[in-house]
Amino acid sequence: MEQSSHQKTSQSNSKRPFVLAAIMLAMFLAAIEATIVSTAMPSIASDLGGFSLYSWVFSAYLLTNASTVLIFGKLSDIFGRKPIFLMGISLFLTGSLLCGFSTSMEMLIVFRFIQGIGAGALMPIASTIVGDIYTKEERAQIQGYLASVWGISAVTGPVLGGFFVDVLNWKYVFWMNLPLGFLAIVGIVVFFKEDIEKEKRSIDYIGSLLLIFSVSSLMMILVEGGVAIPWNSNTMFLLMMFSLIAFLLFIFQERRAKDPMMPFSIWTYRSITVANITSLTTGMILIGVSSFLPAFVQGVMEQSATVAGFTLTAMSIGWPISSTIAGRLLLKIGFRTTSILGGLALIIGGVFFFLLTPEKGPFWAAAGSFFIGVGMGLSTTSFIVSIQNTVDWKRRGIATATNMFMRTLGSALGAALLGGILNGKIQSVIKERGLENQASVDTTNILLDAEKRSSLSEDVLQTLQDALTIGLHQVYIGLLLLAILSFVLIIFLPKGDKA
């Protein structure tokens, strides 16, 4: 299998650091997008108007990113990594340029769609190129470097976003991508050499379209369900039916296609199947921490946004550190044992959150966040390296992309499921205390603003804080159960096989 990768890539060792630097730059662009745009969004919304479309600025990016990630992974297996990577980064930069010129929220959302399509190629193909140019032994260590990009972006995103909004203009949040993206393009064009075997391979266009239809409608359900589209509406029912039918047709198409978009053969490897299903559950844990922890720290503990940011940064520190350690562990103790250590760290983090109370303070919350980061770093690094070592060059792109897609899907599922649990609990506590006329689930937003919080009556403030505490405790019970489930799944990884 390893031999196949070297047949395809004629990469001299002296140029590999430049290729790696270009890849890390491109991954940084995609990774920082979430944090830097979140920081700038209040300023963007006040400038462009259309506050009701606020969430769509994020949804549009997530939607096209998730819908195209598998397709780009497969195309890179057919045409090579270089042309597809360059296409992806070009689309991402085009979307970034246009986002800065937006004069309305609707325009911004359309251009975010374009950005998201490009990001669908950046992440999986960057990881796949690393799988191609480095040996089995080296991959583990290099994945640690790639993971550090997430840590750096999580820390610098809010700082840069705040700087651009306060000193320059929110447009630079998007335009910042242009010089960095150009450097990444130059690095790949000049230093990355790839030999593609000229062989006739058909493209499964029907499968691609069915996959886009199924995934995009599923993401629409998960992202907008209960927000813009009520769960019990006709629109929601039609979306669900459309997604299901498109998925069933996709499976039928893949079974009969000569070169299927998603070769089901990769799911026959137990290591890949377990890694992918576990990535779904860890994706849910990830969104549970990053979405709901700031609400607890600000709304219940009454701490500042900076302190809330600190508790999340702890996860961003734990992740790259443990990814780097995982690189060494994989060589000594193998994928399964390294992943099991990651699963244990997730459970420890889950226990911290399960025991979290307002009195425990932000350091307790940060400790839980740190252990979740350690668990994510150990497990995701093990999964990616294991997957890339299991399949040959012709399937490495789609295999890597599938794992990333499962994590994205898990995050979207987690946001919908855990968000639903939280809202339901808040609503029931308000009802129990007979304050439906004075407060609602939306009133909880006031808890996050220290000035507005003081305008609430003592009764309403206490009720909302109690409701948020009880609701978030339910969410954290869910997180602990997901961590235990992830650990159980990891146990099923095949034994032996070191990096």
Protein backbone atom coordinates (compact mmCIF):
# COMPACT_ATOMS: atom_id res chain seq x y z
CA MET A 1 0.00 0.00 0.00
CA GLU A 2 2.78 2.38 0.93
CA GLN A 3 4.51 1.69 -2.36
CA SER A 4 1.46 2.90 -4.23
CA SER A 5 1.71 6.33 -2.59
CA HIS A 6 5.33 6.77 -3.69
CA GLN A 7 4.53 5.78 -7.26
CA LYS A 8 2.11 8.68 -7.34
CA THR A 9 4.21 11.38 -5.69
CA SER A 10 7.68 12.35 -6.88
CA GLN A 11 8.32 14.68 -3.96
CA SER A 12 11.92 15.43 -3.00
CA ASN A 13 12.47 15.52 0.77
CA SER A 14 14.10 18.97 0.61
CA LYS A 15 10.87 20.54 -0.72
CA ARG A 16 8.48 18.82 1.67
CA PRO A 17 8.76 21.50 4.42
CA PHE A 18 7.63 24.15 1.89
CA VAL A 19 4.67 22.01 0.82
CA LEU A 20 3.77 21.45 4.49
CA ALA A 21 3.98 25.21 5.19
CA ALA A 22 1.64 25.91 2.23
CA ILE A 23 -0.81 23.26 3.46
CA MET A 24 -0.78 24.64 7.01
CA LEU A 25 -1.46 28.15 5.67
CA ALA A 26 -4.44 26.91 3.67
CA MET A 27 -5.78 24.94 6.65
CA PHE A 28 -5.34 28.01 8.85
CA LEU A 29 -7.64 29.99 6.52
CA ALA A 30 -10.41 27.40 6.78
CA ALA A 31 -9.89 26.84 10.54
CA ILE A 32 -9.89 30.53 11.56
CA GLU A 33 -13.04 31.26 9.55
CA ALA A 34 -15.45 30.25 12.32
CA THR A 35 -13.88 32.21 15.20
CA ILE A 36 -12.92 35.35 13.29
CA VAL A 37 -16.33 35.76 11.61
CA SER A 38 -18.17 35.09 14.92
CA THR A 39 -16.23 37.96 16.53
CA ALA A 40 -17.01 40.35 13.67
CA MET A 41 -20.69 39.38 13.17
CA PRO A 42 -22.27 41.95 15.52
CA SER A 43 -20.44 44.72 13.60
CA ILE A 44 -21.35 43.16 10.23
CA ALA A 45 -25.04 42.88 11.22
CA SER A 46 -25.21 46.50 12.40
CA ASP A 47 -23.63 47.67 9.13
CA LEU A 48 -25.57 45.51 6.65
CA GLY A 49 -28.85 45.09 8.57
CA GLY A 50 -30.92 41.93 8.13
CA PHE A 51 -30.40 40.63 11.69
CA SER A 52 -32.99 37.88 11.08
CA LEU A 53 -30.49 36.32 8.62
CA TYR A 54 -27.66 36.38 11.20
CA SER A 55 -27.42 32.59 11.59
CA TRP A 56 -27.44 32.06 7.82
CA VAL A 57 -24.00 33.65 7.50
CA PHE A 58 -22.72 30.56 9.38
CA SER A 59 -25.24 28.08 7.98
CA ALA A 60 -24.39 28.91 4.34
CA TYR A 61 -20.70 28.17 4.91
CA LEU A 62 -21.39 24.94 6.81
CA LEU A 63 -23.96 23.77 4.25
CA THR A 64 -21.75 23.93 1.15
CA ASN A 65 -18.65 22.83 3.07
CA ALA A 66 -20.33 19.61 4.23
CA SER A 67 -22.04 19.01 0.86
CA THR A 68 -18.84 19.17 -1.21
CA VAL A 69 -16.17 17.67 1.08
CA LEU A 70 -16.77 14.07 -0.09
CA ILE A 71 -16.92 15.06 -3.77
CA PHE A 72 -13.61 16.93 -3.65
CA GLY A 73 -12.05 14.00 -1.79
CA LYS A 74 -13.10 11.66 -4.59
CA LEU A 75 -12.06 14.05 -7.38
CA SER A 76 -8.58 14.27 -5.85
CA ASP A 77 -8.34 10.47 -6.18
CA ILE A 78 -9.15 10.77 -9.90
CA PHE A 79 -7.32 13.92 -11.04
CA GLY A 80 -4.66 14.19 -8.31
CA ARG A 81 -4.45 16.38 -5.23
CA LYS A 82 -2.79 19.42 -6.80
CA PRO A 83 -5.46 20.59 -9.31
CA ILE A 84 -8.36 19.98 -6.90
CA PHE A 85 -6.56 21.71 -4.01
CA LEU A 86 -5.80 24.73 -6.21
CA MET A 87 -9.43 24.80 -7.40
CA GLY A 88 -10.64 24.71 -3.80
CA ILE A 89 -8.38 27.49 -2.53
CA SER A 90 -9.21 29.64 -5.59
CA LEU A 91 -12.95 29.30 -4.88
CA PHE A 92 -12.36 30.06 -1.20
CA LEU A 93 -10.40 33.23 -2.02
CA THR A 94 -12.98 34.33 -4.61
CA GLY A 95 -15.71 33.95 -1.98
CA SER A 96 -13.57 35.85 0.55
CA LEU A 97 -12.97 38.74 -1.86
CA LEU A 98 -16.67 39.02 -2.69
CA CYS A 99 -17.74 38.78 0.99
CA GLY A 100 -15.80 41.99 1.68
CA PHE A 101 -17.71 43.79 -1.08
CA SER A 102 -21.14 42.74 0.26
CA THR A 103 -23.65 45.57 0.66
CA SER A 104 -26.47 43.46 2.14
CA MET A 105 -26.83 40.39 4.33
CA GLU A 106 -28.28 38.46 1.36
CA MET A 107 -25.17 39.18 -0.74
CA LEU A 108 -22.90 38.11 2.11
CA ILE A 109 -24.78 34.80 2.47
CA VAL A 110 -24.46 34.03 -1.29
CA PHE A 111 -20.71 34.71 -1.17
CA ARG A 112 -20.38 32.58 1.98
CA PHE A 113 -21.85 29.72 -0.06
CA ILE A 114 -18.92 30.12 -2.50
CA GLN A 115 -16.43 30.28 0.39
CA GLY A 116 -17.89 27.09 1.85
CA ILE A 117 -17.52 25.18 -1.43
CA GLY A 118 -13.82 26.08 -1.51
CA ALA A 119 -13.37 25.07 2.14
CA GLY A 120 -14.84 21.66 1.24
CA ALA A 121 -11.65 21.02 -0.76
CA LEU A 122 -9.12 22.66 1.58
CA MET A 123 -9.36 20.54 4.70
CA PRO A 124 -9.50 16.94 3.42
CA ILE A 125 -7.04 17.40 0.55
CA ALA A 126 -4.52 19.18 2.77
CA SER A 127 -4.51 16.13 5.09
CA THR A 128 -4.42 13.78 2.10
CA ILE A 129 -1.35 15.48 0.57
CA VAL A 130 0.44 14.93 3.89
CA GLY A 131 -0.53 11.26 3.66
CA ASP A 132 0.99 11.14 0.17
CA ILE A 133 4.34 12.84 0.73
CA TYR A 134 5.25 11.45 4.15
CA THR A 135 5.95 7.83 5.14
CA LYS A 136 3.85 5.87 7.60
CA GLU A 137 6.28 6.66 10.41
CA GLU A 138 6.38 10.40 9.63
CA ARG A 139 2.63 10.91 9.17
CA ALA A 140 1.84 10.61 12.86
CA GLN A 141 4.20 13.44 13.82
CA ILE A 142 3.11 15.69 10.94
CA GLN A 143 -0.58 15.30 11.88
CA GLY A 144 0.40 16.91 15.19
CA TYR A 145 1.64 19.98 13.31
CA LEU A 146 -1.62 20.14 11.34
CA ALA A 147 -3.64 19.95 14.56
CA SER A 148 -1.67 22.87 16.00
CA VAL A 149 -3.21 25.00 13.23
CA TRP A 150 -6.60 24.58 14.94
CA GLY A 151 -5.17 25.69 18.28
CA ILE A 152 -3.47 28.75 16.77
CA SER A 153 -6.61 29.74 14.82
CA ALA A 154 -8.85 29.37 17.90
CA VAL A 155 -6.61 31.72 19.90
CA THR A 156 -5.82 34.27 17.16
CA GLY A 157 -9.29 34.33 15.52
CA PRO A 158 -11.10 36.39 18.18
CA VAL A 159 -8.07 38.69 18.62
CA LEU A 160 -7.73 39.37 14.88
CA GLY A 161 -11.50 39.71 14.47
CA GLY A 162 -11.63 42.28 17.26
CA PHE A 163 -8.65 44.17 15.82
CA PHE A 164 -10.14 44.40 12.31
CA VAL A 165 -13.54 45.54 13.62
CA ASP A 166 -12.15 48.11 16.10
CA VAL A 167 -9.20 49.51 14.10
CA LEU A 168 -9.93 48.88 10.40
CA ASN A 169 -13.20 47.48 9.04
CA TRP A 170 -15.08 44.16 9.19
CA LYS A 171 -14.31 43.67 5.46
CA TYR A 172 -10.69 42.86 6.35
CA VAL A 173 -11.90 39.78 8.22
CA PHE A 174 -12.48 38.30 4.74
CA TRP A 175 -9.76 40.16 2.81
CA MET A 176 -7.10 38.93 5.24
CA ASN A 177 -7.45 35.54 3.48
CA LEU A 178 -6.18 36.88 0.13
CA PRO A 179 -2.42 37.37 0.78
CA LEU A 180 -2.20 34.20 2.91
CA GLY A 181 -4.12 32.17 0.33
CA PHE A 182 -1.91 33.49 -2.47
CA LEU A 183 1.20 32.35 -0.56
CA ALA A 184 -0.35 28.88 -0.13
CA ILE A 185 -1.06 28.70 -3.91
CA VAL A 186 2.53 29.69 -4.73
CA GLY A 187 3.87 27.07 -2.29
CA ILE A 188 1.79 24.26 -3.85
CA VAL A 189 2.42 25.32 -7.49
CA VAL A 190 6.19 25.70 -7.07
CA PHE A 191 7.10 22.95 -4.60
CA PHE A 192 4.48 20.18 -4.87
CA LYS A 193 5.29 17.71 -7.65
CA GLU A 194 2.80 14.97 -8.45
CA ASP A 195 2.87 12.19 -11.06
CA ILE A 196 -0.59 11.00 -12.02
CA GLU A 197 -0.94 7.70 -13.82
CA LYS A 198 -2.88 8.41 -17.00
CA GLU A 199 -5.80 6.03 -16.85
CA LYS A 200 -9.37 6.42 -18.02
CA ARG A 201 -11.68 6.74 -15.04
CA SER A 202 -15.30 7.78 -15.29
CA ILE A 203 -16.84 10.41 -13.02
CA ASP A 204 -20.03 9.50 -11.20
CA TYR A 205 -21.97 12.74 -11.92
CA ILE A 206 -25.35 11.30 -10.89
CA GLY A 207 -23.93 10.08 -7.58
CA SER A 208 -22.35 13.51 -6.97
CA LEU A 209 -25.65 15.34 -7.51
CA LEU A 210 -27.62 12.92 -5.34
CA LEU A 211 -25.02 13.30 -2.59
CA ILE A 212 -25.22 17.12 -2.75
CA PHE A 213 -29.05 17.01 -2.63
CA SER A 214 -29.14 14.57 0.29
CA VAL A 215 -26.41 16.18 2.41
CA SER A 216 -27.42 19.82 1.80
CA SER A 217 -31.07 19.14 2.72
CA LEU A 218 -29.95 17.16 5.80
CA MET A 219 -27.68 20.04 6.88
CA MET A 220 -30.57 22.47 6.31
CA ILE A 221 -32.73 20.32 8.64
CA LEU A 222 -30.04 20.19 11.33
CA VAL A 223 -28.95 23.82 11.14
CA GLU A 224 -32.35 25.52 10.73
CA GLY A 225 -34.66 22.99 12.41
CA GLY A 226 -36.53 24.65 15.26
CA VAL A 227 -34.90 27.99 14.37
CA ALA A 228 -36.06 29.24 10.95
CA ILE A 229 -38.05 26.11 10.10
CA PRO A 230 -40.40 24.68 12.79
CA TRP A 231 -39.92 20.94 13.39
CA ASN A 232 -43.62 20.18 12.82
CA SER A 233 -44.01 22.20 9.59
CA ASN A 234 -44.70 20.93 6.07
CA THR A 235 -41.39 22.42 4.90
CA MET A 236 -39.52 20.30 7.46
CA PHE A 237 -41.41 17.15 6.41
CA LEU A 238 -40.62 17.78 2.72
CA LEU A 239 -36.93 18.40 3.50
CA MET A 240 -36.74 15.15 5.46
CA MET A 241 -38.39 13.17 2.67
CA PHE A 242 -36.18 14.81 0.03
CA SER A 243 -33.00 14.04 2.00
CA LEU A 244 -34.01 10.41 2.63
CA ILE A 245 -35.08 9.69 -0.97
CA ALA A 246 -31.91 11.32 -2.39
CA PHE A 247 -29.80 9.22 0.03
CA LEU A 248 -31.53 5.95 -0.95
CA LEU A 249 -31.09 6.79 -4.64
CA PHE A 250 -27.43 7.62 -3.94
CA ILE A 251 -26.85 4.15 -2.41
CA PHE A 252 -28.57 2.53 -5.40
CA GLN A 253 -26.45 4.58 -7.82
CA GLU A 254 -23.19 3.78 -5.99
CA ARG A 255 -23.86 0.04 -6.18
CA ARG A 256 -24.20 0.15 -9.95
CA ALA A 257 -21.64 2.87 -10.88
CA LYS A 258 -18.37 1.81 -12.53
CA ASP A 259 -16.33 4.35 -10.49
CA PRO A 260 -18.62 5.19 -7.52
CA MET A 261 -18.34 8.60 -5.85
CA MET A 262 -18.31 6.83 -2.47
CA PRO A 263 -16.69 3.37 -2.78
CA PHE A 264 -18.43 1.33 -0.08
CA SER A 265 -15.35 -0.90 0.00
CA ILE A 266 -13.64 1.58 2.37
CA TRP A 267 -16.34 0.84 4.98
CA THR A 268 -15.40 -2.85 4.96
CA TYR A 269 -12.24 -2.02 6.96
CA ARG A 270 -13.15 -2.20 10.65
CA SER A 271 -10.60 0.49 11.57
CA ILE A 272 -12.21 2.97 9.13
CA THR A 273 -15.80 2.16 10.11
CA VAL A 274 -15.08 2.53 13.85
CA ALA A 275 -13.07 5.75 13.29
CA ASN A 276 -15.88 7.27 11.21
CA ILE A 277 -18.71 6.41 13.61
CA THR A 278 -16.63 7.64 16.58
CA SER A 279 -15.91 10.89 14.69
CA LEU A 280 -19.68 11.40 14.49
CA THR A 281 -20.03 11.19 18.30
CA THR A 282 -16.88 13.27 19.03
CA GLY A 283 -18.19 15.91 16.59
CA MET A 284 -21.31 16.15 18.79
CA ILE A 285 -19.13 16.54 21.91
CA LEU A 286 -17.07 19.25 20.21
CA ILE A 287 -20.09 21.40 19.32
CA GLY A 288 -21.60 20.79 22.77
CA VAL A 289 -18.59 22.33 24.48
CA SER A 290 -17.86 25.17 22.03
CA SER A 291 -21.52 26.26 21.65
CA PHE A 292 -22.85 26.00 25.20
CA LEU A 293 -19.89 26.58 27.55
CA PRO A 294 -19.76 30.39 26.95
CA ALA A 295 -23.51 30.58 27.76
CA PHE A 296 -22.89 28.91 31.14
CA VAL A 297 -19.84 31.02 32.03
CA GLN A 298 -21.47 34.33 31.01
CA GLY A 299 -25.13 33.67 31.79
CA VAL A 300 -24.91 31.60 34.99
CA MET A 301 -21.47 32.42 36.45
CA GLU A 302 -21.94 36.07 35.37
CA GLN A 303 -18.37 36.26 34.04
CA SER A 304 -17.20 38.39 31.10
CA ALA A 305 -16.94 37.26 27.46
CA THR A 306 -13.15 37.27 27.88
CA VAL A 307 -13.35 34.74 30.73
CA ALA A 308 -15.77 32.62 28.67
CA GLY A 309 -13.26 32.75 25.83
CA PHE A 310 -10.51 31.59 28.20
CA THR A 311 -12.49 28.45 29.14
CA LEU A 312 -12.77 27.54 25.45
CA THR A 313 -9.14 28.39 24.71
CA ALA A 314 -8.19 25.63 27.17
CA MET A 315 -9.59 23.11 24.67
CA SER A 316 -7.60 24.73 21.86
CA ILE A 317 -4.43 24.30 23.93
CA GLY A 318 -5.10 20.68 24.89
CA TRP A 319 -5.84 19.60 21.31
CA PRO A 320 -2.53 20.49 19.54
CA ILE A 321 -0.40 19.41 22.52
CA SER A 322 -2.03 15.97 22.63
CA SER A 323 -1.91 15.66 18.81
CA THR A 324 1.85 16.14 18.91
CA ILE A 325 2.16 13.58 21.72
CA ALA A 326 -0.12 11.22 19.76
CA GLY A 327 2.39 11.32 16.90
CA ARG A 328 4.98 9.71 19.18
CA LEU A 329 2.55 7.36 20.92
CA LEU A 330 1.30 5.91 17.62
CA LEU A 331 4.80 4.64 16.85
CA LYS A 332 5.20 3.05 20.30
CA ILE A 333 1.80 1.75 21.40
CA GLY A 334 -0.27 1.77 18.18
CA PHE A 335 -3.55 3.33 17.02
CA ARG A 336 -5.94 1.49 19.31
CA THR A 337 -4.16 2.19 22.62
CA THR A 338 -3.59 5.86 21.67
CA SER A 339 -7.28 6.18 20.76
CA ILE A 340 -8.30 4.51 24.04
CA LEU A 341 -6.26 7.13 25.95
CA GLY A 342 -8.14 9.78 23.95
CA GLY A 343 -11.46 8.16 24.86
CA LEU A 344 -10.52 8.19 28.57
CA ALA A 345 -9.60 11.90 28.35
CA LEU A 346 -13.03 12.61 26.79
CA ILE A 347 -14.74 10.81 29.69
CA ILE A 348 -12.66 12.79 32.26
CA GLY A 349 -13.69 16.02 30.48
CA GLY A 350 -17.31 14.82 30.43
CA VAL A 351 -17.20 14.18 34.21
CA PHE A 352 -15.86 17.71 34.81
CA PHE A 353 -18.82 19.15 32.88
CA PHE A 354 -21.29 16.78 34.56
CA LEU A 355 -20.13 18.08 37.98
CA LEU A 356 -19.99 21.73 36.83
CA THR A 357 -21.96 24.16 39.02
CA PRO A 358 -21.94 28.00 39.12
CA GLU A 359 -19.94 27.83 42.38
CA LYS A 360 -17.13 25.76 40.81
CA GLY A 361 -16.01 28.76 38.75
CA PRO A 362 -14.39 29.21 35.33
CA PHE A 363 -11.20 27.27 36.14
CA TRP A 364 -13.24 24.10 36.65
CA ALA A 365 -14.95 24.72 33.30
CA ALA A 366 -11.56 25.33 31.65
CA ALA A 367 -10.21 22.05 33.09
CA GLY A 368 -13.11 20.12 31.52
CA SER A 369 -12.54 21.95 28.26
CA PHE A 370 -8.82 21.08 28.35
CA PHE A 371 -9.48 17.34 28.81
CA ILE A 372 -11.98 17.36 25.93
CA GLY A 373 -9.24 18.96 23.79
CA VAL A 374 -6.74 16.28 24.87
CA GLY A 375 -9.25 13.55 23.98
CA MET A 376 -9.96 15.09 20.58
CA GLY A 377 -6.26 15.48 19.80
CA LEU A 378 -5.35 11.88 20.67
CA SER A 379 -8.33 10.32 18.89
CA THR A 380 -8.52 12.40 15.69
CA THR A 381 -4.77 12.10 15.02
CA SER A 382 -5.00 8.32 15.49
CA PHE A 383 -8.02 8.08 13.20
CA ILE A 384 -6.55 10.09 10.29
CA VAL A 385 -3.18 8.31 10.34
CA SER A 386 -4.86 4.90 10.70
CA ILE A 387 -7.21 5.59 7.76
CA GLN A 388 -4.39 6.83 5.51
CA ASN A 389 -2.30 3.76 6.33
CA THR A 390 -5.21 1.40 5.61
CA VAL A 391 -6.07 2.42 2.02
CA ASP A 392 -3.99 2.98 -1.12
CA TRP A 393 -3.42 6.24 -3.04
CA LYS A 394 -6.52 5.80 -5.22
CA ARG A 395 -8.85 5.84 -2.20
CA ARG A 396 -6.92 7.97 0.30
CA GLY A 397 -8.65 11.22 -0.71
CA ILE A 398 -12.22 9.96 -0.28
CA ALA A 399 -11.31 7.98 2.87
CA THR A 400 -9.84 11.10 4.55
CA ALA A 401 -12.76 13.27 3.39
CA THR A 402 -15.32 10.75 4.71
CA ASN A 403 -13.85 10.96 8.22
CA MET A 404 -13.93 14.77 8.17
CA PHE A 405 -17.50 14.73 6.84
CA MET A 406 -18.62 12.45 9.70
CA ARG A 407 -17.19 14.89 12.25
CA THR A 408 -18.94 17.84 10.56
CA LEU A 409 -22.19 15.89 10.47
CA GLY A 410 -21.76 15.06 14.16
CA SER A 411 -21.33 18.76 14.98
CA ALA A 412 -24.51 19.67 13.08
CA LEU A 413 -26.43 16.79 14.73
CA GLY A 414 -25.09 17.78 18.14
CA ALA A 415 -26.08 21.44 17.71
CA ALA A 416 -29.65 20.41 16.84
CA LEU A 417 -30.01 17.69 19.48
CA LEU A 418 -28.30 19.42 22.43
CA GLY A 419 -29.83 22.80 21.49
CA GLY A 420 -33.28 21.17 21.50
CA ILE A 421 -32.66 19.65 24.96
CA LEU A 422 -31.53 23.04 26.34
CA ASN A 423 -34.45 25.05 24.90
CA GLY A 424 -37.00 22.46 26.04
CA LYS A 425 -35.70 22.48 29.61
CA ILE A 426 -35.57 26.31 29.82
CA GLN A 427 -39.15 26.48 28.53
CA SER A 428 -40.41 23.95 31.09
CA VAL A 429 -38.73 25.71 34.06
CA ILE A 430 -40.24 29.09 33.03
CA LYS A 431 -43.67 27.39 32.75
CA GLU A 432 -43.31 25.62 36.13
CA ARG A 433 -42.70 28.98 37.84
CA GLY A 434 -45.61 30.67 36.06
CA LEU A 435 -43.51 33.35 34.34
CA GLU A 436 -44.55 32.67 30.71
CA ASN A 437 -45.84 36.26 30.38
CA GLN A 438 -42.58 37.81 31.60
CA ALA A 439 -39.94 35.54 30.05
CA SER A 440 -39.29 33.09 27.22
CA VAL A 441 -36.38 31.04 25.87
CA ASP A 442 -35.24 34.12 23.91
CA THR A 443 -35.12 36.22 27.10
CA THR A 444 -32.17 34.02 28.15
CA ASN A 445 -30.01 36.09 25.74
CA ILE A 446 -30.28 39.00 28.21
CA LEU A 447 -28.27 36.95 30.75
CA LEU A 448 -25.27 37.16 28.42
CA ASP A 449 -25.18 40.98 28.60
CA ALA A 450 -24.14 42.42 32.00
CA GLU A 451 -25.88 45.79 31.39
CA LYS A 452 -29.20 44.34 30.23
CA ARG A 453 -29.08 41.68 32.98
CA SER A 454 -29.50 44.38 35.65
CA SER A 455 -32.83 45.45 34.06
CA LEU A 456 -34.45 42.09 34.88
CA SER A 457 -36.58 41.70 38.00
CA GLU A 458 -35.14 39.49 40.76
CA ASP A 459 -37.77 36.80 40.07
CA VAL A 460 -37.13 36.63 36.33
CA LEU A 461 -33.33 36.77 36.71
CA GLN A 462 -33.32 33.91 39.24
CA THR A 463 -35.71 31.83 37.13
CA LEU A 464 -33.71 32.31 33.93
CA GLN A 465 -30.40 31.48 35.66
CA ASP A 466 -31.94 28.39 37.26
CA ALA A 467 -33.45 27.36 33.92
CA LEU A 468 -30.12 27.83 32.12
CA THR A 469 -28.26 25.92 34.87
CA ILE A 470 -30.72 22.98 34.77
CA GLY A 471 -30.88 23.01 30.96
CA LEU A 472 -27.09 23.07 30.56
CA HIS A 473 -26.74 20.31 33.15
CA GLN A 474 -28.95 18.18 30.88
CA VAL A 475 -26.66 19.07 27.97
CA TYR A 476 -23.60 18.05 30.01
CA ILE A 477 -25.22 14.73 30.94
CA GLY A 478 -25.59 14.25 27.17
CA LEU A 479 -21.89 15.13 26.70
CA LEU A 480 -20.79 12.57 29.31
CA LEU A 481 -22.95 9.86 27.68
CA LEU A 482 -21.48 10.72 24.26
CA ALA A 483 -17.95 10.50 25.73
CA ILE A 484 -18.72 7.05 27.20
CA LEU A 485 -20.23 5.95 23.86
CA SER A 486 -17.11 7.20 22.01
CA PHE A 487 -14.91 5.19 24.39
CA VAL A 488 -16.98 2.03 23.87
CA LEU A 489 -16.74 2.45 20.07
CA ILE A 490 -12.95 2.92 20.26
CA ILE A 491 -12.66 -0.44 22.07
CA PHE A 492 -13.84 -2.06 18.81
CA LEU A 493 -10.79 -0.81 16.88
CA PRO A 494 -8.65 -3.75 15.67
CA LYS A 495 -5.68 -4.61 17.90
CA GLY A 496 -2.03 -4.21 16.90
CA ASP A 497 -0.93 -2.19 13.85
CA LYS A 498 1.36 0.65 14.84
CA ALA A 499 1.98 3.71 12.69
